[in-house]
Amino acid sequence: MNTPVILFSAALLLSLAGCGEEVPGDKSETGALPAPMGEITTEKELPSVLTEGLTVEEKSDLMNKIMPSAQVEGPTPEEKFLKLKKDAETGDAKAQNGLGVMYYTGEVVTKDASGKIMNNDPAAAAGWFYRSAIQGYADAQFNLGLMYANGEGVAKDEAKAVEWFRKAAEQGNVDAQNNLGAMYYTGEGVSKNIAEAKVWFKKAAAQGNADAQANLDAMK
C-alpha cells in the first residue's frame, strides 16, 4: 500500500490591522483593460474608445464601474508600517501580527548588524508574531508555529510548532487544524497518532479547507 501524501498549509496568514488590506504579492487590477493599438494609457485611465462622446460626469461614472479601486489611493507601505508599528507598540495583537507579516514578506526595509539591506527579516517577524501569539491571537499563533516548523527566524523546533498550531487550532484556525493533523499523521514534533490526525483533518475540512479534505481522502 502506498503512503498517502499529506498536504501541509505552508503560507503565512496575512491578516493586517484594518479591513480590505491588500495581500502582498497580489498585483492584479480588477477590470483592467488593454489599451487600443497606438494609444498609451496609464492603469488609472480609460482608453478613448470607451470614453468618446461621454461627458465628464459619464466618464467618471464609467471609471468607477470598471475600475472602482483606481479612484482610491491606499496607504503606502511606509504609511502602513508606521501605523502598524505605532499600534503594535501599544500592545495591539492584530497590529503586531500585521507588522510581523511586513517584516516576513519584505515590505519593510530592514538592515542587518553590518548595515546591509535585507530582502526580509524573519527574526523580526518571529518576534512580533510571538508578542501577538502570547496574547492569544490565533493568526499569529499559526504564523509562529509555521516559523518553528520551517526554522525561519527561529531555530527549527517541531515540538514548539505543534504547541503553537494547537493553540491556534483550538481557537478554530483552519490552517492550524490541518497542520496539526499533518504533524500527528507524520509524527513530527508529537507522537504519531493517526486517529488524532483524522480528528483535526475533519475539523478543518468541515470549515471548507481543501488541503484537509485531500488529506482525509488520501487516508481512505
N, C-alpha and C. Protein backbone atom coordinates (compact mmCIF):
# COMPACT_ATOMS: atom_id res chain seq x y z
N MET A 1 0.85 -1.21 0.00
CA MET A 1 0.00 0.00 0.00
C MET A 1 0.88 1.25 0.00
N ASN A 2 0.61 2.17 -0.87
CA ASN A 2 1.39 3.40 -0.94
C ASN A 2 1.04 4.34 0.20
N THR A 3 2.06 5.04 0.72
CA THR A 3 1.82 6.03 1.77
C THR A 3 1.15 7.25 1.17
N PRO A 4 0.02 7.69 1.73
CA PRO A 4 -0.67 8.86 1.16
C PRO A 4 0.15 10.12 1.35
N VAL A 5 0.01 11.05 0.43
CA VAL A 5 0.69 12.34 0.53
C VAL A 5 -0.17 13.27 1.38
N ILE A 6 0.39 13.76 2.47
CA ILE A 6 -0.33 14.66 3.37
C ILE A 6 0.08 16.09 3.08
N LEU A 7 -0.91 16.93 2.82
CA LEU A 7 -0.66 18.33 2.46
C LEU A 7 -0.54 19.18 3.71
N PHE A 8 0.40 20.13 3.68
CA PHE A 8 0.70 21.00 4.81
C PHE A 8 0.43 22.44 4.40
N SER A 9 -0.32 23.18 5.21
CA SER A 9 -0.57 24.60 4.91
C SER A 9 0.70 25.38 5.23
N ALA A 10 1.34 25.92 4.20
CA ALA A 10 2.67 26.48 4.39
C ALA A 10 2.76 27.97 4.13
N ALA A 11 1.64 28.67 4.07
CA ALA A 11 1.65 30.11 3.82
C ALA A 11 1.22 30.86 5.07
N LEU A 12 1.89 31.97 5.34
CA LEU A 12 1.50 32.80 6.48
C LEU A 12 0.10 33.33 6.30
N LEU A 13 -0.59 33.49 7.42
CA LEU A 13 -1.89 34.16 7.38
C LEU A 13 -1.62 35.65 7.38
N LEU A 14 -1.99 36.31 6.30
CA LEU A 14 -1.59 37.70 6.09
C LEU A 14 -2.64 38.68 6.56
N SER A 15 -3.18 38.48 7.74
CA SER A 15 -4.18 39.42 8.25
C SER A 15 -3.46 40.63 8.83
N LEU A 16 -3.90 41.82 8.40
CA LEU A 16 -3.30 43.06 8.87
C LEU A 16 -4.36 43.89 9.58
N ALA A 17 -3.91 44.86 10.32
CA ALA A 17 -4.85 45.74 11.00
C ALA A 17 -5.67 46.50 9.99
N GLY A 18 -6.97 46.54 10.18
CA GLY A 18 -7.86 47.24 9.26
C GLY A 18 -8.44 46.32 8.24
N CYS A 19 -9.51 46.75 7.60
CA CYS A 19 -10.20 45.93 6.61
C CYS A 19 -9.71 46.24 5.21
N GLY A 20 -9.81 45.24 4.33
CA GLY A 20 -9.52 45.46 2.92
C GLY A 20 -8.07 45.65 2.59
N GLU A 21 -7.17 45.12 3.47
CA GLU A 21 -5.76 45.24 3.16
C GLU A 21 -5.43 44.36 1.97
N GLU A 22 -4.51 44.83 1.13
CA GLU A 22 -4.07 44.04 0.00
C GLU A 22 -3.11 42.97 0.49
N VAL A 23 -3.29 41.73 0.04
CA VAL A 23 -2.36 40.67 0.36
C VAL A 23 -1.10 40.85 -0.46
N PRO A 24 0.09 40.87 0.19
CA PRO A 24 1.33 41.07 -0.57
C PRO A 24 1.44 40.07 -1.70
N GLY A 25 1.86 40.56 -2.86
CA GLY A 25 2.05 39.68 -3.99
C GLY A 25 0.90 39.71 -4.98
N ASP A 26 -0.26 40.24 -4.55
CA ASP A 26 -1.40 40.30 -5.46
C ASP A 26 -1.37 41.63 -6.17
N LYS A 27 -0.92 41.63 -7.40
CA LYS A 27 -0.73 42.87 -8.14
C LYS A 27 -1.80 43.07 -9.20
N SER A 28 -2.85 42.24 -9.20
CA SER A 28 -3.86 42.34 -10.25
C SER A 28 -4.71 43.58 -10.08
N GLU A 29 -5.21 44.12 -11.18
CA GLU A 29 -6.11 45.27 -11.17
C GLU A 29 -7.46 44.81 -11.68
N THR A 30 -8.48 44.90 -10.84
CA THR A 30 -9.80 44.45 -11.23
C THR A 30 -10.30 45.26 -12.41
N GLY A 31 -10.70 44.55 -13.47
CA GLY A 31 -11.31 45.22 -14.62
C GLY A 31 -10.33 45.94 -15.51
N ALA A 32 -9.03 45.79 -15.29
CA ALA A 32 -8.06 46.49 -16.13
C ALA A 32 -8.18 46.02 -17.57
N LEU A 33 -8.16 46.97 -18.52
CA LEU A 33 -8.35 46.65 -19.93
C LEU A 33 -7.12 47.04 -20.72
N PRO A 34 -6.76 46.25 -21.74
CA PRO A 34 -5.62 46.64 -22.57
C PRO A 34 -5.95 47.87 -23.40
N ALA A 35 -4.96 48.71 -23.63
CA ALA A 35 -5.17 49.91 -24.44
C ALA A 35 -5.24 49.54 -25.91
N PRO A 36 -6.02 50.28 -26.73
CA PRO A 36 -6.07 50.01 -28.17
C PRO A 36 -4.70 50.22 -28.79
N MET A 37 -4.50 49.63 -29.96
CA MET A 37 -3.23 49.78 -30.67
C MET A 37 -2.95 51.25 -30.92
N GLY A 38 -1.73 51.68 -30.63
CA GLY A 38 -1.33 53.05 -30.93
C GLY A 38 -1.66 54.04 -29.84
N GLU A 39 -2.33 53.61 -28.77
CA GLU A 39 -2.68 54.53 -27.68
C GLU A 39 -2.09 54.01 -26.39
N ILE A 40 -1.47 54.90 -25.63
CA ILE A 40 -0.87 54.52 -24.35
C ILE A 40 -1.68 55.16 -23.24
N THR A 41 -2.14 54.35 -22.30
CA THR A 41 -2.88 54.87 -21.15
C THR A 41 -2.25 54.31 -19.89
N THR A 42 -2.40 55.04 -18.79
CA THR A 42 -1.93 54.53 -17.50
C THR A 42 -2.98 53.59 -16.95
N GLU A 43 -2.63 52.89 -15.86
CA GLU A 43 -3.56 51.93 -15.26
C GLU A 43 -4.78 52.63 -14.65
N LYS A 44 -4.72 53.96 -14.50
CA LYS A 44 -5.84 54.70 -13.91
C LYS A 44 -6.58 55.52 -14.96
N GLU A 45 -6.33 55.25 -16.23
CA GLU A 45 -7.01 55.94 -17.32
C GLU A 45 -7.79 54.94 -18.16
N LEU A 46 -8.85 55.43 -18.79
CA LEU A 46 -9.62 54.60 -19.71
C LEU A 46 -9.23 54.97 -21.14
N PRO A 47 -9.12 54.00 -22.03
CA PRO A 47 -8.80 54.31 -23.44
C PRO A 47 -9.92 55.11 -24.08
N SER A 48 -9.57 55.94 -25.05
CA SER A 48 -10.52 56.85 -25.67
C SER A 48 -11.68 56.12 -26.35
N VAL A 49 -11.46 54.88 -26.79
CA VAL A 49 -12.52 54.15 -27.46
C VAL A 49 -13.71 53.93 -26.53
N LEU A 50 -13.46 53.95 -25.21
CA LEU A 50 -14.54 53.76 -24.24
C LEU A 50 -15.18 55.07 -23.79
N THR A 51 -14.47 56.18 -23.97
CA THR A 51 -14.95 57.44 -23.42
C THR A 51 -15.40 58.44 -24.48
N GLU A 52 -15.25 58.10 -25.74
CA GLU A 52 -15.59 59.02 -26.82
C GLU A 52 -17.07 59.43 -26.73
N GLY A 53 -17.32 60.74 -26.71
CA GLY A 53 -18.68 61.25 -26.69
C GLY A 53 -19.30 61.34 -25.31
N LEU A 54 -18.60 60.94 -24.27
CA LEU A 54 -19.14 60.98 -22.92
C LEU A 54 -18.83 62.31 -22.24
N THR A 55 -19.73 62.75 -21.36
CA THR A 55 -19.47 63.94 -20.56
C THR A 55 -18.48 63.59 -19.45
N VAL A 56 -17.98 64.61 -18.75
CA VAL A 56 -17.04 64.39 -17.65
C VAL A 56 -17.68 63.50 -16.58
N GLU A 57 -18.97 63.78 -16.28
CA GLU A 57 -19.67 63.00 -15.27
C GLU A 57 -19.83 61.55 -15.71
N GLU A 58 -20.15 61.36 -16.98
CA GLU A 58 -20.32 60.00 -17.51
C GLU A 58 -18.99 59.24 -17.51
N LYS A 59 -17.91 59.94 -17.82
CA LYS A 59 -16.60 59.30 -17.79
C LYS A 59 -16.24 58.86 -16.36
N SER A 60 -16.53 59.74 -15.40
CA SER A 60 -16.25 59.43 -14.01
C SER A 60 -17.05 58.22 -13.54
N ASP A 61 -18.34 58.19 -13.95
CA ASP A 61 -19.20 57.08 -13.57
C ASP A 61 -18.70 55.77 -14.17
N LEU A 62 -18.26 55.83 -15.44
CA LEU A 62 -17.75 54.63 -16.09
C LEU A 62 -16.45 54.17 -15.43
N MET A 63 -15.61 55.12 -15.08
CA MET A 63 -14.37 54.77 -14.39
C MET A 63 -14.65 54.04 -13.09
N ASN A 64 -15.63 54.53 -12.33
CA ASN A 64 -15.97 53.91 -11.05
C ASN A 64 -16.54 52.50 -11.24
N LYS A 65 -17.27 52.29 -12.34
CA LYS A 65 -17.86 50.98 -12.60
C LYS A 65 -16.81 49.97 -13.05
N ILE A 66 -15.89 50.41 -13.90
CA ILE A 66 -14.90 49.49 -14.46
C ILE A 66 -13.70 49.31 -13.54
N MET A 67 -13.20 50.40 -12.98
CA MET A 67 -12.04 50.34 -12.11
C MET A 67 -12.30 51.10 -10.82
N PRO A 68 -13.18 50.58 -9.96
CA PRO A 68 -13.52 51.31 -8.74
C PRO A 68 -12.32 51.57 -7.84
N SER A 69 -11.35 50.65 -7.84
CA SER A 69 -10.19 50.83 -6.97
C SER A 69 -9.25 51.91 -7.46
N ALA A 70 -9.38 52.29 -8.74
CA ALA A 70 -8.46 53.27 -9.31
C ALA A 70 -8.67 54.65 -8.72
N GLN A 71 -9.87 54.90 -8.14
CA GLN A 71 -10.17 56.21 -7.60
C GLN A 71 -9.70 56.36 -6.15
N VAL A 72 -9.28 55.25 -5.55
CA VAL A 72 -8.93 55.29 -4.13
C VAL A 72 -7.43 55.05 -3.96
N GLU A 73 -6.75 55.99 -3.38
CA GLU A 73 -5.33 55.84 -3.12
C GLU A 73 -5.16 55.23 -1.73
N GLY A 74 -4.60 54.02 -1.66
CA GLY A 74 -4.38 53.38 -0.38
C GLY A 74 -3.11 53.89 0.27
N PRO A 75 -2.86 53.49 1.50
CA PRO A 75 -1.64 53.93 2.18
C PRO A 75 -0.41 53.31 1.52
N THR A 76 0.68 54.02 1.54
CA THR A 76 1.93 53.49 1.04
C THR A 76 2.45 52.45 2.04
N PRO A 77 3.36 51.57 1.60
CA PRO A 77 3.93 50.61 2.56
C PRO A 77 4.52 51.29 3.79
N GLU A 78 5.16 52.45 3.59
CA GLU A 78 5.75 53.17 4.72
C GLU A 78 4.67 53.65 5.68
N GLU A 79 3.57 54.19 5.14
CA GLU A 79 2.48 54.66 5.99
C GLU A 79 1.83 53.49 6.74
N LYS A 80 1.67 52.38 6.03
CA LYS A 80 1.08 51.20 6.66
C LYS A 80 1.99 50.68 7.77
N PHE A 81 3.29 50.66 7.51
CA PHE A 81 4.25 50.21 8.50
C PHE A 81 4.21 51.09 9.75
N LEU A 82 4.25 52.41 9.55
CA LEU A 82 4.27 53.33 10.69
C LEU A 82 3.00 53.19 11.54
N LYS A 83 1.85 53.02 10.87
CA LYS A 83 0.59 52.86 11.60
C LYS A 83 0.61 51.55 12.39
N LEU A 84 1.03 50.46 11.73
CA LEU A 84 1.08 49.17 12.42
C LEU A 84 2.07 49.20 13.58
N LYS A 85 3.23 49.82 13.36
CA LYS A 85 4.26 49.88 14.41
C LYS A 85 3.75 50.65 15.61
N LYS A 86 3.07 51.75 15.35
CA LYS A 86 2.53 52.55 16.45
C LYS A 86 1.52 51.74 17.25
N ASP A 87 0.61 51.05 16.55
CA ASP A 87 -0.40 50.25 17.24
C ASP A 87 0.22 49.03 17.91
N ALA A 88 1.21 48.42 17.25
CA ALA A 88 1.85 47.23 17.80
C ALA A 88 2.57 47.56 19.10
N GLU A 89 3.19 48.71 19.15
CA GLU A 89 3.94 49.09 20.34
C GLU A 89 3.04 49.39 21.53
N THR A 90 1.75 49.62 21.27
CA THR A 90 0.80 49.80 22.37
C THR A 90 0.22 48.46 22.83
N GLY A 91 0.61 47.37 22.15
CA GLY A 91 0.15 46.05 22.55
C GLY A 91 -0.98 45.49 21.72
N ASP A 92 -1.33 46.14 20.61
CA ASP A 92 -2.40 45.65 19.75
C ASP A 92 -1.95 44.36 19.06
N ALA A 93 -2.60 43.24 19.39
CA ALA A 93 -2.17 41.93 18.89
C ALA A 93 -2.31 41.81 17.38
N LYS A 94 -3.40 42.35 16.83
CA LYS A 94 -3.60 42.26 15.39
C LYS A 94 -2.54 43.06 14.65
N ALA A 95 -2.21 44.24 15.16
CA ALA A 95 -1.17 45.06 14.53
C ALA A 95 0.20 44.38 14.66
N GLN A 96 0.46 43.73 15.79
CA GLN A 96 1.72 43.02 15.96
C GLN A 96 1.88 41.91 14.93
N ASN A 97 0.79 41.17 14.69
CA ASN A 97 0.83 40.13 13.67
C ASN A 97 1.04 40.74 12.29
N GLY A 98 0.34 41.84 12.00
CA GLY A 98 0.49 42.50 10.71
C GLY A 98 1.89 43.03 10.49
N LEU A 99 2.49 43.55 11.56
CA LEU A 99 3.87 44.06 11.47
C LEU A 99 4.82 42.90 11.19
N GLY A 100 4.56 41.76 11.84
CA GLY A 100 5.37 40.57 11.57
C GLY A 100 5.29 40.15 10.12
N VAL A 101 4.10 40.23 9.55
CA VAL A 101 3.91 39.88 8.15
C VAL A 101 4.74 40.80 7.25
N MET A 102 4.75 42.09 7.57
CA MET A 102 5.50 43.03 6.75
C MET A 102 7.00 42.74 6.81
N TYR A 103 7.50 42.38 7.99
CA TYR A 103 8.91 42.02 8.09
C TYR A 103 9.20 40.73 7.33
N TYR A 104 8.27 39.79 7.39
CA TYR A 104 8.48 38.50 6.74
C TYR A 104 8.46 38.62 5.21
N THR A 105 7.53 39.40 4.69
CA THR A 105 7.37 39.50 3.24
C THR A 105 8.34 40.48 2.60
N GLY A 106 9.01 41.28 3.40
CA GLY A 106 9.97 42.23 2.84
C GLY A 106 9.36 43.57 2.50
N GLU A 107 8.13 43.82 2.95
CA GLU A 107 7.53 45.15 2.71
C GLU A 107 8.22 46.22 3.54
N VAL A 108 8.95 45.80 4.57
CA VAL A 108 9.68 46.74 5.41
C VAL A 108 11.15 46.69 5.01
N VAL A 109 11.73 47.86 4.80
CA VAL A 109 13.17 47.92 4.52
C VAL A 109 13.91 47.75 5.83
N THR A 110 14.70 46.69 5.91
CA THR A 110 15.40 46.40 7.16
C THR A 110 16.86 46.08 6.87
N LYS A 111 17.71 46.25 7.86
CA LYS A 111 19.15 46.05 7.69
C LYS A 111 19.67 45.08 8.74
N ASP A 112 20.78 44.39 8.38
CA ASP A 112 21.41 43.51 9.36
C ASP A 112 22.37 44.32 10.21
N ALA A 113 23.13 43.63 11.09
CA ALA A 113 24.02 44.32 12.03
C ALA A 113 25.10 45.13 11.32
N SER A 114 25.48 44.70 10.11
CA SER A 114 26.52 45.42 9.36
C SER A 114 25.96 46.58 8.55
N GLY A 115 24.64 46.73 8.53
CA GLY A 115 24.02 47.79 7.77
C GLY A 115 23.57 47.39 6.38
N LYS A 116 23.78 46.12 6.02
CA LYS A 116 23.37 45.64 4.71
C LYS A 116 21.85 45.49 4.66
N ILE A 117 21.25 45.99 3.58
CA ILE A 117 19.80 45.89 3.42
C ILE A 117 19.42 44.44 3.10
N MET A 118 18.42 43.94 3.83
CA MET A 118 17.96 42.57 3.64
C MET A 118 16.62 42.57 2.91
N ASN A 119 16.37 41.48 2.17
CA ASN A 119 15.11 41.35 1.45
C ASN A 119 13.94 41.20 2.42
N ASN A 120 14.17 40.50 3.52
CA ASN A 120 13.15 40.36 4.56
C ASN A 120 13.86 40.06 5.87
N ASP A 121 13.11 40.04 6.96
CA ASP A 121 13.70 39.87 8.28
C ASP A 121 12.87 38.86 9.08
N PRO A 122 13.10 37.55 8.87
CA PRO A 122 12.31 36.55 9.56
C PRO A 122 12.43 36.62 11.07
N ALA A 123 13.61 37.01 11.58
CA ALA A 123 13.79 37.08 13.03
C ALA A 123 12.88 38.15 13.65
N ALA A 124 12.83 39.32 13.00
CA ALA A 124 11.94 40.38 13.48
C ALA A 124 10.49 39.95 13.35
N ALA A 125 10.19 39.26 12.25
CA ALA A 125 8.82 38.76 12.05
C ALA A 125 8.43 37.82 13.17
N ALA A 126 9.31 36.88 13.48
CA ALA A 126 9.02 35.91 14.54
C ALA A 126 8.82 36.60 15.89
N GLY A 127 9.61 37.63 16.13
CA GLY A 127 9.47 38.38 17.38
C GLY A 127 8.10 39.01 17.53
N TRP A 128 7.62 39.63 16.45
CA TRP A 128 6.30 40.26 16.51
C TRP A 128 5.19 39.22 16.53
N PHE A 129 5.37 38.11 15.82
CA PHE A 129 4.38 37.03 15.90
C PHE A 129 4.27 36.53 17.35
N TYR A 130 5.42 36.41 18.01
CA TYR A 130 5.42 35.92 19.39
C TYR A 130 4.67 36.88 20.31
N ARG A 131 4.93 38.18 20.17
CA ARG A 131 4.24 39.16 21.01
C ARG A 131 2.73 39.07 20.84
N SER A 132 2.31 38.83 19.61
CA SER A 132 0.88 38.70 19.33
C SER A 132 0.35 37.35 19.81
N ALA A 133 1.13 36.30 19.57
CA ALA A 133 0.68 34.94 19.90
C ALA A 133 0.46 34.75 21.38
N ILE A 134 1.32 35.33 22.22
CA ILE A 134 1.16 35.13 23.66
C ILE A 134 -0.07 35.87 24.20
N GLN A 135 -0.63 36.77 23.38
CA GLN A 135 -1.89 37.42 23.76
C GLN A 135 -3.10 36.60 23.30
N GLY A 136 -2.83 35.48 22.60
CA GLY A 136 -3.91 34.61 22.18
C GLY A 136 -4.43 34.87 20.80
N TYR A 137 -3.71 35.64 19.98
CA TYR A 137 -4.18 35.95 18.63
C TYR A 137 -3.90 34.74 17.73
N ALA A 138 -4.95 34.11 17.23
CA ALA A 138 -4.83 32.82 16.56
C ALA A 138 -3.97 32.88 15.29
N ASP A 139 -4.14 33.92 14.47
CA ASP A 139 -3.36 34.00 13.23
C ASP A 139 -1.86 34.07 13.54
N ALA A 140 -1.50 34.81 14.58
CA ALA A 140 -0.09 34.92 14.96
C ALA A 140 0.41 33.59 15.52
N GLN A 141 -0.44 32.88 16.25
CA GLN A 141 -0.05 31.58 16.77
C GLN A 141 0.25 30.62 15.62
N PHE A 142 -0.61 30.65 14.59
CA PHE A 142 -0.35 29.83 13.41
C PHE A 142 0.95 30.25 12.74
N ASN A 143 1.13 31.56 12.54
CA ASN A 143 2.33 32.05 11.87
C ASN A 143 3.59 31.67 12.63
N LEU A 144 3.55 31.79 13.96
CA LEU A 144 4.71 31.43 14.77
C LEU A 144 4.97 29.92 14.68
N GLY A 145 3.90 29.13 14.68
CA GLY A 145 4.06 27.69 14.51
C GLY A 145 4.74 27.35 13.20
N LEU A 146 4.37 28.09 12.16
CA LEU A 146 4.97 27.86 10.84
C LEU A 146 6.45 28.23 10.85
N MET A 147 6.80 29.30 11.56
CA MET A 147 8.21 29.70 11.65
C MET A 147 9.03 28.62 12.35
N TYR A 148 8.46 28.04 13.41
CA TYR A 148 9.17 26.96 14.11
C TYR A 148 9.24 25.70 13.24
N ALA A 149 8.18 25.41 12.51
CA ALA A 149 8.16 24.23 11.66
C ALA A 149 9.21 24.31 10.55
N ASN A 150 9.42 25.52 10.03
CA ASN A 150 10.35 25.72 8.91
C ASN A 150 11.73 26.18 9.34
N GLY A 151 11.87 26.55 10.62
CA GLY A 151 13.15 27.09 11.08
C GLY A 151 13.47 28.43 10.48
N GLU A 152 12.46 29.30 10.35
CA GLU A 152 12.65 30.64 9.81
C GLU A 152 12.56 31.67 10.93
N GLY A 153 13.64 32.41 11.15
CA GLY A 153 13.64 33.44 12.19
C GLY A 153 13.87 32.88 13.58
N VAL A 154 13.68 31.59 13.74
CA VAL A 154 13.91 30.88 15.00
C VAL A 154 14.53 29.53 14.66
N ALA A 155 15.13 28.89 15.66
CA ALA A 155 15.66 27.55 15.44
C ALA A 155 14.51 26.59 15.18
N LYS A 156 14.69 25.70 14.23
CA LYS A 156 13.63 24.75 13.91
C LYS A 156 13.31 23.91 15.14
N ASP A 157 12.03 23.84 15.48
CA ASP A 157 11.60 23.10 16.66
C ASP A 157 10.19 22.60 16.40
N GLU A 158 10.08 21.34 15.98
CA GLU A 158 8.77 20.81 15.60
C GLU A 158 7.83 20.69 16.79
N ALA A 159 8.37 20.45 17.98
CA ALA A 159 7.52 20.37 19.16
C ALA A 159 6.86 21.71 19.45
N LYS A 160 7.63 22.80 19.31
CA LYS A 160 7.07 24.13 19.51
C LYS A 160 6.08 24.46 18.40
N ALA A 161 6.36 23.99 17.19
CA ALA A 161 5.41 24.20 16.09
C ALA A 161 4.08 23.56 16.44
N VAL A 162 4.13 22.35 16.93
CA VAL A 162 2.90 21.65 17.34
C VAL A 162 2.18 22.44 18.44
N GLU A 163 2.95 22.94 19.40
CA GLU A 163 2.37 23.69 20.52
C GLU A 163 1.58 24.91 20.02
N TRP A 164 2.18 25.66 19.10
CA TRP A 164 1.52 26.87 18.61
C TRP A 164 0.39 26.55 17.64
N PHE A 165 0.58 25.52 16.81
CA PHE A 165 -0.51 25.10 15.94
C PHE A 165 -1.72 24.67 16.77
N ARG A 166 -1.45 23.97 17.88
CA ARG A 166 -2.55 23.51 18.73
C ARG A 166 -3.33 24.69 19.32
N LYS A 167 -2.59 25.68 19.81
CA LYS A 167 -3.26 26.85 20.40
C LYS A 167 -4.17 27.52 19.37
N ALA A 168 -3.66 27.66 18.14
CA ALA A 168 -4.46 28.29 17.10
C ALA A 168 -5.61 27.39 16.66
N ALA A 169 -5.33 26.10 16.55
CA ALA A 169 -6.35 25.13 16.12
C ALA A 169 -7.52 25.07 17.09
N GLU A 170 -7.21 25.16 18.38
CA GLU A 170 -8.26 25.11 19.39
C GLU A 170 -9.16 26.34 19.36
N GLN A 171 -8.67 27.40 18.71
CA GLN A 171 -9.50 28.60 18.52
C GLN A 171 -10.24 28.56 17.18
N GLY A 172 -10.07 27.46 16.45
CA GLY A 172 -10.80 27.32 15.18
C GLY A 172 -10.02 27.73 13.96
N ASN A 173 -8.71 28.02 14.10
CA ASN A 173 -7.91 28.40 12.94
C ASN A 173 -7.77 27.19 12.02
N VAL A 174 -8.33 27.29 10.82
CA VAL A 174 -8.46 26.14 9.94
C VAL A 174 -7.12 25.62 9.44
N ASP A 175 -6.18 26.51 9.11
CA ASP A 175 -4.87 26.08 8.62
C ASP A 175 -4.07 25.40 9.74
N ALA A 176 -4.21 25.91 10.96
CA ALA A 176 -3.54 25.28 12.09
C ALA A 176 -4.12 23.89 12.35
N GLN A 177 -5.43 23.75 12.19
CA GLN A 177 -6.05 22.45 12.37
C GLN A 177 -5.50 21.44 11.37
N ASN A 178 -5.37 21.86 10.12
CA ASN A 178 -4.83 20.97 9.09
C ASN A 178 -3.37 20.61 9.40
N ASN A 179 -2.58 21.62 9.79
CA ASN A 179 -1.17 21.36 10.07
C ASN A 179 -0.98 20.48 11.29
N LEU A 180 -1.82 20.69 12.30
CA LEU A 180 -1.74 19.85 13.49
C LEU A 180 -2.05 18.39 13.11
N GLY A 181 -3.06 18.23 12.26
CA GLY A 181 -3.39 16.90 11.78
C GLY A 181 -2.22 16.27 11.03
N ALA A 182 -1.55 17.08 10.19
CA ALA A 182 -0.41 16.58 9.41
C ALA A 182 0.72 16.13 10.33
N MET A 183 0.96 16.88 11.41
CA MET A 183 2.06 16.54 12.30
C MET A 183 1.73 15.31 13.13
N TYR A 184 0.46 15.14 13.49
CA TYR A 184 0.07 13.90 14.16
C TYR A 184 0.21 12.72 13.20
N TYR A 185 -0.09 12.95 11.94
CA TYR A 185 -0.02 11.86 10.97
C TYR A 185 1.43 11.41 10.74
N THR A 186 2.33 12.38 10.64
CA THR A 186 3.73 12.05 10.35
C THR A 186 4.56 11.80 11.60
N GLY A 187 4.02 12.21 12.76
CA GLY A 187 4.78 12.03 14.00
C GLY A 187 5.89 13.05 14.16
N GLU A 188 5.75 14.21 13.56
CA GLU A 188 6.74 15.28 13.69
C GLU A 188 6.36 16.19 14.85
N GLY A 189 7.23 16.26 15.85
CA GLY A 189 7.00 17.13 16.99
C GLY A 189 6.00 16.59 17.99
N VAL A 190 5.43 15.43 17.71
CA VAL A 190 4.42 14.83 18.58
C VAL A 190 4.36 13.34 18.25
N SER A 191 3.91 12.54 19.19
CA SER A 191 3.81 11.11 18.93
C SER A 191 2.81 10.85 17.81
N LYS A 192 3.18 9.98 16.89
CA LYS A 192 2.31 9.68 15.76
C LYS A 192 0.98 9.12 16.25
N ASN A 193 -0.10 9.68 15.72
CA ASN A 193 -1.43 9.26 16.15
C ASN A 193 -2.40 9.49 14.99
N ILE A 194 -2.66 8.44 14.23
CA ILE A 194 -3.49 8.56 13.04
C ILE A 194 -4.91 8.99 13.38
N ALA A 195 -5.44 8.45 14.49
CA ALA A 195 -6.81 8.81 14.89
C ALA A 195 -6.92 10.29 15.22
N GLU A 196 -5.90 10.81 15.91
CA GLU A 196 -5.90 12.24 16.27
C GLU A 196 -5.72 13.10 15.02
N ALA A 197 -4.89 12.63 14.09
CA ALA A 197 -4.72 13.34 12.83
C ALA A 197 -6.05 13.48 12.12
N LYS A 198 -6.80 12.41 12.09
CA LYS A 198 -8.09 12.42 11.41
C LYS A 198 -9.06 13.39 12.08
N VAL A 199 -9.01 13.47 13.41
CA VAL A 199 -9.88 14.40 14.14
C VAL A 199 -9.65 15.83 13.67
N TRP A 200 -8.37 16.21 13.56
CA TRP A 200 -8.07 17.60 13.18
C TRP A 200 -8.31 17.85 11.71
N PHE A 201 -8.05 16.84 10.86
CA PHE A 201 -8.37 17.00 9.45
C PHE A 201 -9.88 17.21 9.26
N LYS A 202 -10.67 16.47 10.02
CA LYS A 202 -12.12 16.59 9.91
C LYS A 202 -12.58 17.97 10.34
N LYS A 203 -11.99 18.50 11.41
CA LYS A 203 -12.36 19.84 11.87
C LYS A 203 -12.07 20.88 10.80
N ALA A 204 -10.90 20.76 10.17
CA ALA A 204 -10.52 21.72 9.13
C ALA A 204 -11.37 21.54 7.88
N ALA A 205 -11.61 20.30 7.50
CA ALA A 205 -12.42 20.03 6.30
C ALA A 205 -13.84 20.53 6.48
N ALA A 206 -14.36 20.46 7.70
CA ALA A 206 -15.71 20.94 7.97
C ALA A 206 -15.83 22.44 7.76
N GLN A 207 -14.68 23.14 7.81
CA GLN A 207 -14.67 24.59 7.56
C GLN A 207 -14.34 24.90 6.10
N GLY A 208 -14.26 23.85 5.29
CA GLY A 208 -14.02 24.07 3.87
C GLY A 208 -12.58 24.05 3.43
N ASN A 209 -11.66 23.59 4.28
CA ASN A 209 -10.25 23.57 3.91
C ASN A 209 -9.98 22.44 2.94
N ALA A 210 -9.55 22.79 1.73
CA ALA A 210 -9.35 21.80 0.66
C ALA A 210 -8.20 20.86 0.97
N ASP A 211 -7.12 21.38 1.58
CA ASP A 211 -5.98 20.52 1.91
C ASP A 211 -6.39 19.45 2.91
N ALA A 212 -7.16 19.84 3.92
CA ALA A 212 -7.60 18.88 4.93
C ALA A 212 -8.50 17.81 4.31
N GLN A 213 -9.37 18.22 3.39
CA GLN A 213 -10.23 17.25 2.74
C GLN A 213 -9.41 16.29 1.88
N ALA A 214 -8.39 16.82 1.22
CA ALA A 214 -7.49 15.98 0.42
C ALA A 214 -6.74 15.00 1.33
N ASN A 215 -6.38 15.45 2.51
CA ASN A 215 -5.69 14.58 3.45
C ASN A 215 -6.60 13.44 3.92
N LEU A 216 -7.86 13.77 4.20
CA LEU A 216 -8.82 12.72 4.58
C LEU A 216 -9.01 11.73 3.44
N ASP A 217 -9.13 12.25 2.22
CA ASP A 217 -9.31 11.36 1.07
C ASP A 217 -8.10 10.45 0.89
N ALA A 218 -6.90 11.01 1.15
CA ALA A 218 -5.68 10.22 0.99
C ALA A 218 -5.57 9.12 2.02
N MET A 219 -6.20 9.32 3.17
CA MET A 219 -6.13 8.34 4.24
C MET A 219 -7.10 7.18 4.05
N LYS A 220 -8.05 7.32 3.12
CA LYS A 220 -9.05 6.27 2.94
C LYS A 220 -8.43 5.05 2.28
